[in-house]
Amino acid sequence: MSISATLPPPGVRLGLFACVGITFLAAMLAAIPAMGRHGLGWLPVAVALGMVVGNLWPDLPTRGRDGLALARGPLMRAGIALYGLRIGIDEFAAVGWGGALAAVVVVASTLWLAQRLGRAFGLDRHSALLIGAGSAICGAAAVAAADGVLGARARHVSAAVASVVLFGTLGMYVLPWLFDRVGLPAAQFGLWIGLTVHELGHVVAAASPLGPEVSGAALIAKMMRVMLLAPAMVWMAWSDGRASGGGRVRVPFFLWAFFAAIALNGSGLLPPTLQAAGAGLAQLLLAVGLAALGAATRLVDIRAAGARVWWLAASLWAYLLIAGLGIVTLLARFG
């Protein structure tokens, strides 16, 4: 048997090699301190760089279609499953019942509002849910997870990632500016950051300059939102199956694997080195999948989505700021 007979088809090789190359270049760019200060982590940079490469190399989505599909499909779903190793069950206890309830209210109400406003703005349901997931939970990673459930079009996923990254970046700058102006104690202000800012990187960048008390509360609240990713995706699978007129709703296997990874991480049975390796692999696979999404997206397709995508993302961001402040104020008063 010849060596060429054992290699993947050319379309798979080209698409995968391109995605891996984009991913590692994105990692190098995201490691630049100036990028971190602006909250631009590995995943958003991978999408943006993939879009640049895909639009400058217009043959890539056609010639490398099979490889891009492999990266966006099985590989990214594996990354979502392993993402559960980044979530610890003990964080439930650290945030307290008030913070946990606040996270549930924020995530559930934002997803509900995304559907309502998306319909009012004339957006298709998948676009609204993708933007809602990214806004409500954890930015680009949540958009990727929602795409794994919904199977949305690449341009809708890229537009959703772009919108949540933009408004997450704005929140990273706006909230620290408000620190001395709203009169909240440090812990409550950190809770406000954690409940409203999109990406984990944005939360770190916004809270770190304000001191350890703000940072600790912000990260715990943010991780509570991240921990709601799995139940939110189960709801999304059920909701999408009902909306499409299907009968029995099948929860994708990678979501069960995601639950299992969370349980394994909380069990204490996994050695720290393996946990860290799995969490790092999750980021790598998510970045490869998002690079594929970016490479398959045409800027003309994003422009065709019009202002409706940005109106929805802006509306959800404004809602997060207002609702988050209201919840935190109530907790500070009655907590």
Protein backbone atom coordinates (compact mmCIF):
# COMPACT_ATOMS: atom_id res chain seq x y z
CA MET A 1 0.00 0.00 0.00
CA SER A 2 1.41 3.42 -0.93
CA ILE A 3 1.78 6.17 1.64
CA SER A 4 -0.52 8.45 -0.36
CA ALA A 5 -3.31 5.89 -0.04
CA THR A 6 -3.22 6.21 3.73
CA LEU A 7 -3.31 10.01 3.78
CA PRO A 8 -6.56 11.94 4.07
CA PRO A 9 -7.96 13.35 0.82
CA PRO A 10 -6.37 16.62 -0.40
CA GLY A 11 -9.41 18.68 0.59
CA VAL A 12 -9.20 17.43 4.17
CA ARG A 13 -5.44 18.05 4.37
CA LEU A 14 -5.65 21.55 2.91
CA GLY A 15 -8.53 22.66 5.11
CA LEU A 16 -7.04 21.22 8.32
CA PHE A 17 -3.54 22.53 7.68
CA ALA A 18 -4.94 25.98 7.00
CA CYS A 19 -6.99 25.91 10.21
CA VAL A 20 -4.07 24.70 12.32
CA GLY A 21 -1.80 27.37 10.81
CA ILE A 22 -4.38 30.08 11.49
CA THR A 23 -4.83 28.77 15.03
CA PHE A 24 -1.15 28.90 15.94
CA LEU A 25 -0.71 32.33 14.39
CA ALA A 26 -3.74 33.48 16.40
CA ALA A 27 -2.14 32.06 19.56
CA MET A 28 1.03 34.03 18.88
CA LEU A 29 -0.94 37.23 18.32
CA ALA A 30 -3.13 36.68 21.40
CA ALA A 31 0.04 36.26 23.51
CA ILE A 32 1.11 39.83 22.73
CA PRO A 33 0.52 41.85 25.93
CA ALA A 34 -1.26 44.64 24.06
CA MET A 35 -3.81 42.12 22.75
CA GLY A 36 -4.47 40.85 26.29
CA ARG A 37 -4.94 44.38 27.58
CA HIS A 38 -7.68 44.83 25.00
CA GLY A 39 -9.37 41.54 25.94
CA LEU A 40 -8.58 39.91 22.60
CA GLY A 41 -8.05 36.27 23.48
CA TRP A 42 -7.18 33.24 21.40
CA LEU A 43 -10.72 32.39 20.25
CA PRO A 44 -11.83 35.81 18.94
CA VAL A 45 -8.45 36.29 17.23
CA ALA A 46 -8.77 32.87 15.55
CA VAL A 47 -12.14 33.85 14.06
CA ALA A 48 -10.89 37.22 12.86
CA LEU A 49 -7.70 35.78 11.37
CA GLY A 50 -9.65 32.99 9.72
CA MET A 51 -11.90 35.55 8.07
CA VAL A 52 -8.87 37.48 6.80
CA VAL A 53 -7.27 34.33 5.35
CA GLY A 54 -10.54 33.06 3.87
CA ASN A 55 -11.28 36.35 2.13
CA LEU A 56 -7.72 36.86 0.86
CA TRP A 57 -7.62 33.21 -0.33
CA PRO A 58 -11.07 32.80 -1.88
CA ASP A 59 -10.37 29.24 -3.13
CA LEU A 60 -9.80 27.91 0.40
CA PRO A 61 -13.48 27.35 1.35
CA THR A 62 -13.97 25.35 -1.85
CA ARG A 63 -10.70 23.43 -2.14
CA GLY A 64 -10.44 22.81 1.60
CA ARG A 65 -14.15 22.34 2.27
CA ASP A 66 -13.85 18.84 3.77
CA GLY A 67 -11.09 19.88 6.15
CA LEU A 68 -12.98 22.98 7.24
CA ALA A 69 -16.06 20.84 7.88
CA LEU A 70 -14.01 18.43 9.99
CA ALA A 71 -12.55 21.29 12.03
CA ARG A 72 -15.89 23.02 12.54
CA GLY A 73 -17.77 19.78 13.25
CA PRO A 74 -16.18 16.85 15.15
CA LEU A 75 -13.06 18.69 16.30
CA MET A 76 -14.89 21.72 17.67
CA ARG A 77 -17.49 19.51 19.36
CA ALA A 78 -14.67 17.59 21.04
CA GLY A 79 -13.31 20.93 22.23
CA ILE A 80 -16.69 21.85 23.68
CA ALA A 81 -16.85 18.53 25.54
CA LEU A 82 -13.36 19.03 26.99
CA TYR A 83 -14.26 22.59 27.97
CA GLY A 84 -16.06 21.01 30.92
CA LEU A 85 -12.61 20.40 32.44
CA ARG A 86 -12.30 24.17 32.89
CA ILE A 87 -15.35 24.25 35.18
CA GLY A 88 -15.21 23.22 38.82
CA ILE A 89 -18.30 22.17 40.78
CA ASP A 90 -16.87 23.74 43.95
CA GLU A 91 -17.35 27.17 42.38
CA PHE A 92 -21.07 26.81 43.09
CA ALA A 93 -20.37 27.01 46.81
CA ALA A 94 -17.94 29.92 46.50
CA VAL A 95 -20.39 32.23 44.75
CA GLY A 96 -23.28 31.66 47.18
CA TRP A 97 -26.97 31.21 46.49
CA GLY A 98 -27.51 34.88 45.72
CA GLY A 99 -24.80 34.96 43.07
CA ALA A 100 -25.93 31.63 41.62
CA LEU A 101 -29.53 32.84 41.31
CA ALA A 102 -28.33 36.10 39.76
CA ALA A 103 -26.38 34.16 37.11
CA VAL A 104 -29.40 31.99 36.30
CA VAL A 105 -31.66 35.06 35.97
CA VAL A 106 -29.15 36.87 33.74
CA VAL A 107 -28.55 33.91 31.41
CA ALA A 108 -32.19 32.82 31.13
CA SER A 109 -33.58 36.32 30.64
CA THR A 110 -30.92 37.25 28.07
CA LEU A 111 -31.63 34.14 25.98
CA TRP A 112 -35.37 34.83 26.18
CA LEU A 113 -34.87 38.47 25.20
CA ALA A 114 -32.59 37.50 22.31
CA GLN A 115 -35.39 35.43 20.79
CA ARG A 116 -37.97 38.19 21.26
CA LEU A 117 -35.81 41.01 19.93
CA GLY A 118 -34.40 38.85 17.13
CA ARG A 119 -37.93 38.21 15.91
CA ALA A 120 -38.77 41.93 16.19
CA PHE A 121 -35.64 42.88 14.23
CA GLY A 122 -36.40 40.31 11.52
CA LEU A 123 -33.41 38.07 12.24
CA ASP A 124 -33.60 34.32 11.69
CA ARG A 125 -33.91 32.27 14.86
CA HIS A 126 -30.45 30.73 14.73
CA SER A 127 -28.72 34.10 14.46
CA ALA A 128 -30.69 35.41 17.43
CA LEU A 129 -29.82 32.36 19.55
CA LEU A 130 -26.13 32.52 18.63
CA ILE A 131 -25.90 36.19 19.63
CA GLY A 132 -27.98 35.48 22.72
CA ALA A 133 -25.71 32.62 23.81
CA GLY A 134 -22.55 34.65 23.29
CA SER A 135 -23.98 37.60 25.19
CA ALA A 136 -25.55 35.60 28.02
CA ILE A 137 -22.85 33.05 28.77
CA CYS A 138 -19.22 33.26 27.63
CA GLY A 139 -18.71 34.95 24.28
CA ALA A 140 -17.10 33.07 21.40
CA ALA A 141 -16.99 29.70 23.23
CA ALA A 142 -20.75 29.86 23.83
CA VAL A 143 -21.37 30.82 20.20
CA ALA A 144 -19.32 27.79 19.16
CA ALA A 145 -21.27 25.53 21.53
CA ALA A 146 -24.59 26.88 20.28
CA ASP A 147 -23.49 26.29 16.70
CA GLY A 148 -22.68 22.69 17.63
CA VAL A 149 -26.33 22.28 18.67
CA LEU A 150 -27.98 24.37 15.96
CA GLY A 151 -25.75 23.73 12.94
CA ALA A 152 -26.06 27.37 11.85
CA ARG A 153 -24.54 28.88 8.72
CA ALA A 154 -20.90 29.92 8.96
CA ARG A 155 -21.65 33.58 8.22
CA HIS A 156 -24.20 33.69 11.04
CA VAL A 157 -21.68 32.23 13.49
CA SER A 158 -18.93 34.64 12.44
CA ALA A 159 -21.27 37.63 12.67
CA ALA A 160 -22.36 36.52 16.14
CA VAL A 161 -18.75 36.15 17.31
CA ALA A 162 -17.83 39.56 15.88
CA SER A 163 -20.77 41.25 17.61
CA VAL A 164 -20.20 39.73 21.06
CA VAL A 165 -16.46 40.45 20.89
CA LEU A 166 -17.15 44.08 19.99
CA PHE A 167 -19.58 44.70 22.84
CA GLY A 168 -17.56 42.63 25.29
CA THR A 169 -14.59 44.86 24.48
CA LEU A 170 -16.71 47.97 25.05
CA GLY A 171 -17.85 46.59 28.40
CA MET A 172 -14.23 45.95 29.35
CA TYR A 173 -13.56 49.68 29.03
CA VAL A 174 -16.87 51.11 30.22
CA LEU A 175 -17.26 49.21 33.49
CA PRO A 176 -13.90 50.14 35.05
CA TRP A 177 -14.67 53.78 34.18
CA LEU A 178 -17.91 53.43 36.18
CA PHE A 179 -16.18 51.98 39.26
CA ASP A 180 -15.92 55.29 41.12
CA ARG A 181 -19.23 56.60 39.80
CA VAL A 182 -21.91 54.08 40.83
CA GLY A 183 -21.09 53.78 44.53
CA LEU A 184 -21.10 49.97 44.75
CA PRO A 185 -18.83 48.13 47.22
CA ALA A 186 -15.90 46.35 45.57
CA ALA A 187 -17.38 42.84 45.81
CA GLN A 188 -20.73 43.92 44.33
CA PHE A 189 -18.99 45.80 41.54
CA GLY A 190 -17.00 42.69 40.72
CA LEU A 191 -20.25 40.73 40.67
CA TRP A 192 -21.65 43.28 38.19
CA ILE A 193 -18.64 42.80 35.91
CA GLY A 194 -18.92 39.01 36.10
CA LEU A 195 -22.64 39.05 35.33
CA THR A 196 -22.47 41.37 32.33
CA VAL A 197 -19.15 41.17 30.45
CA HIS A 198 -19.05 38.65 27.60
CA GLU A 199 -15.64 36.94 27.31
CA LEU A 200 -13.68 35.56 30.27
CA GLY A 201 -10.66 37.47 28.97
CA HIS A 202 -12.70 40.66 28.99
CA VAL A 203 -13.73 39.99 32.60
CA VAL A 204 -10.11 39.52 33.68
CA ALA A 205 -9.00 42.64 31.81
CA ALA A 206 -11.83 44.75 33.28
CA ALA A 207 -11.58 43.56 36.89
CA SER A 208 -7.84 43.11 37.46
CA PRO A 209 -6.93 46.82 37.64
CA LEU A 210 -9.65 47.37 40.30
CA GLY A 211 -8.15 45.14 42.97
CA PRO A 212 -8.34 41.53 44.22
CA GLU A 213 -11.79 41.85 45.81
CA VAL A 214 -13.31 43.03 42.53
CA SER A 215 -11.39 40.41 40.53
CA GLY A 216 -12.37 37.52 42.78
CA ALA A 217 -16.09 38.33 42.73
CA ALA A 218 -16.02 38.99 38.98
CA LEU A 219 -14.36 35.67 38.14
CA ILE A 220 -16.65 33.63 40.38
CA ALA A 221 -19.76 35.25 38.88
CA LYS A 222 -18.40 34.75 35.38
CA MET A 223 -17.69 31.09 36.02
CA MET A 224 -21.25 30.68 37.27
CA ARG A 225 -22.43 31.89 33.86
CA VAL A 226 -19.99 29.50 32.15
CA MET A 227 -21.33 26.61 34.25
CA LEU A 228 -24.79 27.33 32.82
CA LEU A 229 -23.50 26.62 29.31
CA ALA A 230 -24.48 22.94 29.47
CA PRO A 231 -28.12 23.38 30.63
CA ALA A 232 -28.50 26.29 28.19
CA MET A 233 -27.36 24.08 25.30
CA VAL A 234 -29.76 21.30 26.37
CA TRP A 235 -32.59 23.84 26.37
CA MET A 236 -31.44 25.09 22.97
CA ALA A 237 -31.44 21.55 21.53
CA TRP A 238 -34.96 20.98 22.88
CA SER A 239 -36.17 24.39 21.68
CA ASP A 240 -34.68 23.98 18.21
CA GLY A 241 -36.18 20.52 17.82
CA ARG A 242 -39.60 21.84 18.81
CA ALA A 243 -39.31 24.86 16.50
CA SER A 244 -38.35 22.67 13.54
CA GLY A 245 -41.37 20.46 14.09
CA GLY A 246 -39.35 17.44 15.16
CA GLY A 247 -40.63 14.83 17.51
CA ARG A 248 -38.28 13.47 20.12
CA VAL A 249 -35.42 15.86 20.82
CA ARG A 250 -31.99 14.25 20.75
CA VAL A 251 -29.38 15.83 23.01
CA PRO A 252 -26.06 15.71 21.10
CA PHE A 253 -23.46 13.30 22.45
CA PHE A 254 -20.88 16.05 22.97
CA LEU A 255 -23.19 17.69 25.53
CA TRP A 256 -23.31 14.49 27.58
CA ALA A 257 -19.50 14.40 27.31
CA PHE A 258 -19.46 18.02 28.50
CA PHE A 259 -21.49 17.08 31.59
CA ALA A 260 -19.18 14.13 32.21
CA ALA A 261 -16.11 16.36 31.99
CA ILE A 262 -17.59 18.76 34.57
CA ALA A 263 -18.33 15.83 36.92
CA LEU A 264 -14.86 14.36 36.40
CA ASN A 265 -13.23 17.70 37.11
CA GLY A 266 -15.27 18.08 40.30
CA SER A 267 -14.60 14.55 41.49
CA GLY A 268 -10.95 15.16 42.33
CA LEU A 269 -9.97 11.93 40.54
CA LEU A 270 -8.25 13.69 37.64
CA PRO A 271 -4.59 14.61 38.25
CA PRO A 272 -3.96 18.36 37.90
CA THR A 273 -1.57 17.83 35.00
CA LEU A 274 -4.20 15.92 33.03
CA GLN A 275 -6.86 18.50 33.89
CA ALA A 276 -4.63 21.31 32.65
CA ALA A 277 -3.75 19.37 29.49
CA GLY A 278 -7.41 18.65 28.75
CA ALA A 279 -8.41 22.26 29.34
CA GLY A 280 -5.62 23.42 27.05
CA LEU A 281 -6.65 20.92 24.38
CA ALA A 282 -10.21 22.24 24.64
CA GLN A 283 -9.01 25.76 23.85
CA LEU A 284 -6.93 24.45 20.94
CA LEU A 285 -9.80 22.51 19.37
CA LEU A 286 -12.22 25.41 19.84
CA ALA A 287 -9.72 27.75 18.21
CA VAL A 288 -9.26 25.36 15.25
CA GLY A 289 -13.02 25.12 14.79
CA LEU A 290 -13.53 28.87 15.02
CA ALA A 291 -10.69 29.42 12.55
CA ALA A 292 -12.60 27.17 10.14
CA LEU A 293 -15.76 29.20 10.70
CA GLY A 294 -13.91 32.40 9.95
CA ALA A 295 -12.26 30.95 6.84
CA ALA A 296 -15.66 29.85 5.48
CA THR A 297 -17.18 33.30 5.98
CA ARG A 298 -17.34 36.01 3.34
CA LEU A 299 -17.36 39.62 4.45
CA VAL A 300 -20.08 40.25 1.89
CA ASP A 301 -22.26 37.74 3.74
CA ILE A 302 -21.76 39.57 7.05
CA ARG A 303 -22.60 42.86 5.36
CA ALA A 304 -25.73 41.21 3.97
CA ALA A 305 -26.89 40.58 7.56
CA GLY A 306 -27.20 44.34 7.86
CA ALA A 307 -27.55 46.40 10.98
CA ARG A 308 -29.97 43.94 12.57
CA VAL A 309 -27.16 41.79 14.01
CA TRP A 310 -25.54 44.82 15.59
CA TRP A 311 -28.83 46.20 16.90
CA LEU A 312 -29.56 42.90 18.64
CA ALA A 313 -26.07 42.62 20.13
CA ALA A 314 -26.19 46.26 21.29
CA SER A 315 -29.63 45.79 22.83
CA LEU A 316 -28.55 42.70 24.73
CA TRP A 317 -25.43 44.47 25.98
CA ALA A 318 -27.50 47.40 27.24
CA TYR A 319 -29.89 44.96 28.91
CA LEU A 320 -27.01 43.12 30.61
CA LEU A 321 -25.62 46.36 32.00
CA ILE A 322 -28.98 47.59 33.32
CA ALA A 323 -30.30 44.25 34.59
CA GLY A 324 -26.94 43.32 36.10
CA LEU A 325 -26.74 46.61 37.99
CA GLY A 326 -30.30 46.16 39.25
CA ILE A 327 -29.63 42.62 40.49
CA VAL A 328 -26.38 43.58 42.17
CA THR A 329 -28.02 46.59 43.85
CA LEU A 330 -30.75 44.35 45.25
CA LEU A 331 -28.21 41.83 46.51
CA ALA A 332 -26.22 44.59 48.17
CA ARG A 333 -29.34 45.90 49.86
CA PHE A 334 -30.93 42.65 50.99
CA GLY A 335 -28.02 40.22 50.90
